[in-house]
Amino acid sequence: MDEQLVCHRRADDADDEESKPSPQDPVIKNCLEDWNDLEEEYVELESLHRTYQKKLNEMVSLQDKCLKQIAHHRYRMKTIQESLKRNTKDLSAEDKSEMKSLQQKLLDRKEAFRELEECLPHQNGLYLSVILGQVNVSLLNKGDKFQYKREYERFKLVVSYIIMCLSFVQTFFGSYRWVDAVLHFLLVWYYCTLTIRESILVVNGSRIKGWWLTHHFISTVCAGISLIWPDGWSYQVFRTRYVIFIMYLSFVYVMQYYYQNGCLYRLRTLGKRHGMDITVGKLSPLFFLSLSLGCVP
């Protein structure tokens, strides 16, 4: 009914336009012709937008159904696992084989759920809920997720270069307290931003370890203490070694980034690493896995 009223109104407007005298000025005439073309295109746009809203509502409904189905499957699988654990009596060789096969199927199904959930929204963790509220930060497109991860890696690299340059200047070209304050503030902002970005990555399927997030929370606190430390004898004694350590750490991270980025690319190509895995400050897992696969240059 609403669409019919809109069509009748537009038809009446068109009749009114036809009843009006045609303008003599060519510029106005061309503008009116362009506007009439836009009116026709706008009708198509409204129809397309209504279709989009309908599909969007259908998608949200399907997301809810999928999440409920996955939760139902997880509950029943948990019941099956508990039943298998309680079954401690002597089993025949055939029953043991069936039990082992069923346990493997349960593990495979859990991994399949992980793949299914990559395209479904996730709830924010406690930290993101405190910082951002209940804003949905789930990226449903795999391309968007990978792009966000690349932006995270690029952010770390660029800020590490800036920190390295600032600490280098403070180490070899004079000591200025206000530059120290800028450096410490940059570190506080950097680690705070990292914790938020990494929490968003975790929501979107990145398997970042808890110790890595905890280390960034602790680094934020330490950088905050350095920022508010009054200038004095104790600060000057601590400051020189601290700035050199910052320069060394940022340099090591830059070197590790280029090395680990290459390792991650090769391991993802071989299917040995997840697409949302990140470069971290600990080399050994990537190094030894690359070494075992013959990927170390």
Protein backbone atom coordinates (compact mmCIF):
# COMPACT_ATOMS: atom_id res chain seq x y z
CA MET A 1 0.00 0.00 0.00
CA ASP A 2 2.82 2.41 0.88
CA GLU A 3 4.56 1.66 -2.42
CA GLN A 4 1.35 2.37 -4.33
CA LEU A 5 0.95 5.71 -2.55
CA VAL A 6 4.55 6.60 -3.36
CA CYS A 7 4.03 5.69 -7.01
CA HIS A 8 0.81 7.74 -7.18
CA ARG A 9 2.55 10.71 -5.56
CA ARG A 10 5.44 10.50 -8.00
CA ALA A 11 3.01 10.21 -10.90
CA ASP A 12 1.21 13.33 -9.68
CA ASP A 13 4.55 15.12 -9.36
CA ALA A 14 5.41 14.06 -12.90
CA ASP A 15 2.05 15.42 -14.14
CA ASP A 16 2.73 18.69 -12.34
CA GLU A 17 6.16 18.87 -13.95
CA GLU A 18 4.66 18.30 -17.39
CA SER A 19 2.05 21.01 -16.79
CA LYS A 20 4.74 23.54 -15.95
CA PRO A 21 6.22 25.58 -18.79
CA SER A 22 9.56 24.31 -20.06
CA PRO A 23 12.50 26.49 -18.93
CA GLN A 24 14.25 28.50 -21.59
CA ASP A 25 17.69 28.56 -19.99
CA PRO A 26 19.74 25.55 -21.29
CA VAL A 27 21.64 25.11 -18.01
CA ILE A 28 18.44 24.86 -15.97
CA LYS A 29 16.95 22.55 -18.57
CA ASN A 30 19.95 20.19 -18.39
CA CYS A 31 19.87 20.24 -14.60
CA LEU A 32 16.18 19.33 -14.60
CA GLU A 33 16.81 16.47 -17.01
CA ASP A 34 19.61 15.19 -14.77
CA TRP A 35 17.33 15.46 -11.75
CA ASN A 36 14.59 13.47 -13.50
CA ASP A 37 17.14 10.76 -14.29
CA LEU A 38 18.21 10.75 -10.65
CA GLU A 39 14.57 10.40 -9.57
CA GLU A 40 14.27 7.22 -11.62
CA GLU A 41 17.56 5.89 -10.23
CA TYR A 42 16.43 6.74 -6.70
CA VAL A 43 13.36 4.53 -7.13
CA GLU A 44 15.69 1.65 -7.99
CA LEU A 45 17.91 2.53 -5.02
CA GLU A 46 14.97 2.43 -2.60
CA SER A 47 13.93 -0.96 -3.95
CA LEU A 48 17.50 -2.24 -3.64
CA HIS A 49 17.75 -0.92 -0.08
CA ARG A 50 14.51 -2.65 0.93
CA THR A 51 15.91 -5.90 -0.45
CA TYR A 52 19.14 -5.30 1.49
CA GLN A 53 17.25 -4.74 4.76
CA LYS A 54 15.24 -7.90 4.18
CA LYS A 55 18.37 -9.97 3.51
CA LEU A 56 20.10 -8.39 6.51
CA ASN A 57 17.26 -9.40 8.82
CA GLU A 58 17.34 -12.90 7.35
CA MET A 59 21.11 -13.07 7.92
CA VAL A 60 20.76 -12.02 11.59
CA SER A 61 18.06 -14.64 12.08
CA LEU A 62 20.25 -17.33 10.48
CA GLN A 63 23.20 -16.29 12.66
CA ASP A 64 21.12 -16.76 15.80
CA LYS A 65 19.94 -20.18 14.60
CA CYS A 66 23.50 -21.31 13.81
CA LEU A 67 24.79 -20.15 17.21
CA LYS A 68 21.98 -21.99 18.99
CA GLN A 69 22.62 -25.15 16.98
CA ILE A 70 26.36 -25.02 17.75
CA ALA A 71 25.63 -24.51 21.46
CA HIS A 72 23.24 -27.49 21.36
CA HIS A 73 25.85 -29.67 19.64
CA ARG A 74 28.52 -28.66 22.15
CA TYR A 75 26.23 -29.57 25.04
CA ARG A 76 25.46 -33.02 23.63
CA MET A 77 29.12 -33.62 22.78
CA LYS A 78 30.07 -32.72 26.35
CA THR A 79 27.54 -35.25 27.60
CA ILE A 80 29.04 -37.92 25.33
CA GLN A 81 32.58 -37.12 26.53
CA GLU A 82 31.55 -37.35 30.18
CA SER A 83 29.89 -40.70 29.52
CA LEU A 84 33.07 -42.00 27.88
CA LYS A 85 35.19 -40.82 30.84
CA ARG A 86 32.91 -42.56 33.33
CA ASN A 87 33.09 -45.81 31.38
CA THR A 88 36.16 -47.19 33.16
CA LYS A 89 35.23 -50.87 33.11
CA ASP A 90 37.19 -53.41 31.09
CA LEU A 91 36.42 -53.12 27.40
CA SER A 92 37.03 -55.49 24.56
CA ALA A 93 39.51 -54.60 21.86
CA GLU A 94 36.67 -53.80 19.48
CA ASP A 95 34.98 -51.50 22.03
CA LYS A 96 38.26 -49.72 22.74
CA SER A 97 38.74 -49.16 19.03
CA GLU A 98 35.21 -47.74 18.71
CA MET A 99 35.77 -45.53 21.76
CA LYS A 100 39.03 -44.18 20.36
CA SER A 101 37.38 -43.55 16.99
CA LEU A 102 34.51 -41.69 18.67
CA GLN A 103 36.92 -39.53 20.68
CA GLN A 104 38.75 -38.60 17.48
CA LYS A 105 35.43 -37.71 15.83
CA LEU A 106 34.63 -35.43 18.78
CA LEU A 107 37.97 -33.65 18.37
CA ASP A 108 37.42 -33.27 14.64
CA ARG A 109 33.94 -31.88 15.24
CA LYS A 110 35.32 -29.30 17.69
CA GLU A 111 37.76 -28.13 15.02
CA ALA A 112 34.90 -28.01 12.51
CA PHE A 113 32.92 -25.82 14.92
CA ARG A 114 35.88 -23.46 15.10
CA GLU A 115 35.80 -23.09 11.32
CA LEU A 116 32.04 -22.54 11.35
CA GLU A 117 32.31 -19.88 14.06
CA GLU A 118 34.75 -17.82 12.03
CA CYS A 119 31.82 -16.44 10.02
CA LEU A 120 29.56 -15.95 13.06
CA PRO A 121 29.51 -13.08 15.60
CA HIS A 122 31.20 -13.56 18.97
CA GLN A 123 30.62 -11.96 22.34
CA ASN A 124 33.21 -9.47 23.57
CA GLY A 125 35.44 -10.51 26.42
CA LEU A 126 35.45 -8.73 29.78
CA TYR A 127 38.20 -6.28 28.78
CA LEU A 128 36.51 -5.21 25.53
CA SER A 129 33.15 -4.97 27.30
CA VAL A 130 34.66 -2.54 29.81
CA ILE A 131 36.46 -0.48 27.14
CA LEU A 132 33.95 -0.54 24.28
CA GLY A 133 30.72 -1.76 25.85
CA GLN A 134 28.64 -4.26 23.92
CA VAL A 135 29.67 -2.98 20.49
CA ASN A 136 29.92 -5.89 18.07
CA VAL A 137 33.55 -6.12 16.88
CA SER A 138 33.18 -9.41 15.00
CA LEU A 139 34.34 -9.29 11.39
CA LEU A 140 32.30 -11.82 9.43
CA ASN A 141 34.33 -11.72 6.24
CA LYS A 142 37.64 -13.62 6.19
CA GLY A 143 39.19 -10.97 3.97
CA ASP A 144 38.28 -8.25 6.49
CA LYS A 145 39.74 -10.33 9.32
CA PHE A 146 43.02 -10.85 7.52
CA GLN A 147 43.16 -7.17 6.58
CA TYR A 148 42.65 -6.17 10.23
CA LYS A 149 45.43 -8.54 11.28
CA ARG A 150 47.78 -7.01 8.68
CA GLU A 151 46.90 -3.52 9.92
CA TYR A 152 47.75 -4.68 13.45
CA GLU A 153 51.14 -5.97 12.31
CA ARG A 154 51.82 -2.78 10.34
CA PHE A 155 50.86 -0.66 13.37
CA LYS A 156 53.34 -2.52 15.58
CA LEU A 157 56.11 -2.14 13.02
CA VAL A 158 55.60 1.60 12.40
CA VAL A 159 55.37 2.48 16.11
CA SER A 160 58.42 0.32 16.86
CA TYR A 161 60.41 2.33 14.30
CA ILE A 162 59.28 5.59 15.94
CA ILE A 163 60.16 4.33 19.43
CA MET A 164 63.56 3.14 18.21
CA CYS A 165 64.34 6.55 16.66
CA LEU A 166 63.27 8.48 19.77
CA SER A 167 65.28 6.28 22.11
CA PHE A 168 68.29 6.49 19.76
CA VAL A 169 68.15 10.30 19.83
CA GLN A 170 67.83 10.33 23.63
CA THR A 171 70.76 7.94 24.02
CA PHE A 172 73.32 9.61 21.75
CA PHE A 173 72.20 13.22 21.25
CA GLY A 174 71.39 14.52 24.71
CA SER A 175 68.98 13.90 27.55
CA TYR A 176 65.80 15.98 27.63
CA ARG A 177 63.12 15.22 30.21
CA TRP A 178 60.27 16.38 27.98
CA VAL A 179 61.45 14.04 25.20
CA ASP A 180 61.58 11.24 27.78
CA ALA A 181 57.99 12.10 28.71
CA VAL A 182 56.96 11.92 25.05
CA LEU A 183 58.67 8.54 24.73
CA HIS A 184 57.01 7.17 27.87
CA PHE A 185 53.60 8.50 26.82
CA LEU A 186 54.06 6.88 23.42
CA LEU A 187 54.80 3.57 25.14
CA VAL A 188 51.68 3.86 27.32
CA TRP A 189 49.51 4.64 24.29
CA TYR A 190 51.19 1.90 22.23
CA TYR A 191 50.65 -0.88 24.74
CA CYS A 192 47.09 0.24 25.56
CA THR A 193 46.26 0.19 21.86
CA LEU A 194 47.90 -3.22 21.46
CA THR A 195 45.77 -4.73 24.23
CA ILE A 196 42.58 -3.45 22.57
CA ARG A 197 43.58 -4.56 19.07
CA GLU A 198 44.72 -7.97 20.28
CA SER A 199 41.47 -8.49 22.18
CA ILE A 200 39.57 -7.72 18.96
CA LEU A 201 41.79 -10.21 17.13
CA VAL A 202 40.99 -12.88 19.74
CA VAL A 203 37.25 -12.27 19.22
CA ASN A 204 37.82 -12.77 15.50
CA GLY A 205 39.59 -16.10 15.84
CA SER A 206 43.24 -15.22 16.45
CA ARG A 207 44.91 -17.70 18.79
CA ILE A 208 46.89 -15.17 20.83
CA LYS A 209 48.16 -16.71 24.06
CA GLY A 210 47.12 -15.32 27.42
CA TRP A 211 50.73 -14.69 28.47
CA TRP A 212 51.21 -12.40 25.46
CA LEU A 213 48.21 -10.25 26.44
CA THR A 214 49.28 -10.26 30.09
CA HIS A 215 52.77 -9.13 29.13
CA HIS A 216 51.27 -6.10 27.32
CA PHE A 217 49.09 -5.20 30.30
CA ILE A 218 52.16 -5.29 32.55
CA SER A 219 54.13 -3.23 30.01
CA THR A 220 51.38 -0.59 30.06
CA VAL A 221 51.66 -0.29 33.85
CA CYS A 222 55.48 -0.08 33.73
CA ALA A 223 55.38 2.60 31.03
CA GLY A 224 52.84 4.55 33.11
CA ILE A 225 55.15 4.44 36.15
CA SER A 226 58.03 5.75 34.02
CA LEU A 227 55.82 8.55 32.71
CA ILE A 228 54.91 9.91 36.16
CA TRP A 229 58.36 9.33 37.72
CA PRO A 230 59.65 12.74 38.94
CA ASP A 231 62.94 13.94 37.52
CA GLY A 232 65.66 13.39 40.09
CA TRP A 233 68.74 11.40 40.98
CA SER A 234 66.94 8.03 41.08
CA TYR A 235 65.29 8.67 37.71
CA GLN A 236 68.57 9.70 36.06
CA VAL A 237 70.31 6.58 37.38
CA PHE A 238 67.54 4.38 36.02
CA ARG A 239 66.86 6.36 32.84
CA THR A 240 70.03 5.69 30.81
CA ARG A 241 69.84 1.91 30.97
CA TYR A 242 66.07 2.02 30.48
CA VAL A 243 66.23 4.09 27.28
CA ILE A 244 68.99 1.85 25.90
CA PHE A 245 66.84 -1.18 26.72
CA ILE A 246 63.86 0.38 24.89
CA MET A 247 66.03 1.02 21.83
CA TYR A 248 67.39 -2.53 21.92
CA LEU A 249 63.93 -4.06 22.37
CA SER A 250 62.39 -2.12 19.49
CA PHE A 251 65.31 -3.02 17.23
CA VAL A 252 64.98 -6.71 18.11
CA TYR A 253 61.24 -6.59 17.45
CA VAL A 254 61.75 -5.05 14.00
CA MET A 255 64.23 -7.80 13.10
CA GLN A 256 61.92 -10.49 14.49
CA TYR A 257 58.96 -9.06 12.58
CA TYR A 258 60.60 -9.50 9.18
CA TYR A 259 61.86 -12.98 10.05
CA GLN A 260 58.65 -14.26 11.65
CA ASN A 261 56.46 -12.71 8.99
CA GLY A 262 58.29 -14.80 6.39
CA CYS A 263 57.99 -17.92 8.55
CA LEU A 264 54.27 -17.38 9.10
CA TYR A 265 53.69 -16.93 5.38
CA ARG A 266 55.44 -20.21 4.56
CA LEU A 267 53.72 -22.11 7.37
CA ARG A 268 50.28 -20.78 6.39
CA THR A 269 50.97 -21.85 2.81
CA LEU A 270 51.74 -25.37 4.07
CA GLY A 271 48.61 -25.35 6.23
CA LYS A 272 50.61 -25.60 9.47
CA ARG A 273 49.52 -22.26 10.95
CA HIS A 274 46.18 -20.50 11.27
CA GLY A 275 45.48 -17.52 9.03
CA MET A 276 44.98 -15.21 12.04
CA ASP A 277 48.23 -16.11 13.81
CA ILE A 278 50.48 -13.13 14.55
CA THR A 279 54.18 -12.41 14.93
CA VAL A 280 55.15 -12.48 18.61
CA GLY A 281 58.22 -11.69 20.63
CA LYS A 282 59.05 -15.34 21.22
CA LEU A 283 60.92 -16.94 18.36
CA SER A 284 61.29 -20.55 19.38
CA PRO A 285 57.90 -22.08 18.38
CA LEU A 286 57.99 -20.61 14.87
CA PHE A 287 61.70 -21.29 14.50
CA PHE A 288 61.61 -24.96 15.42
CA LEU A 289 58.42 -25.61 13.45
CA SER A 290 59.99 -23.94 10.41
CA LEU A 291 63.18 -25.94 10.96
CA SER A 292 61.27 -29.23 11.13
CA LEU A 293 59.54 -28.41 7.83
CA GLY A 294 62.70 -27.19 6.11
CA CYS A 295 61.43 -23.60 5.85
CA VAL A 296 64.34 -21.79 7.50
CA PRO A 297 66.30 -19.82 4.87
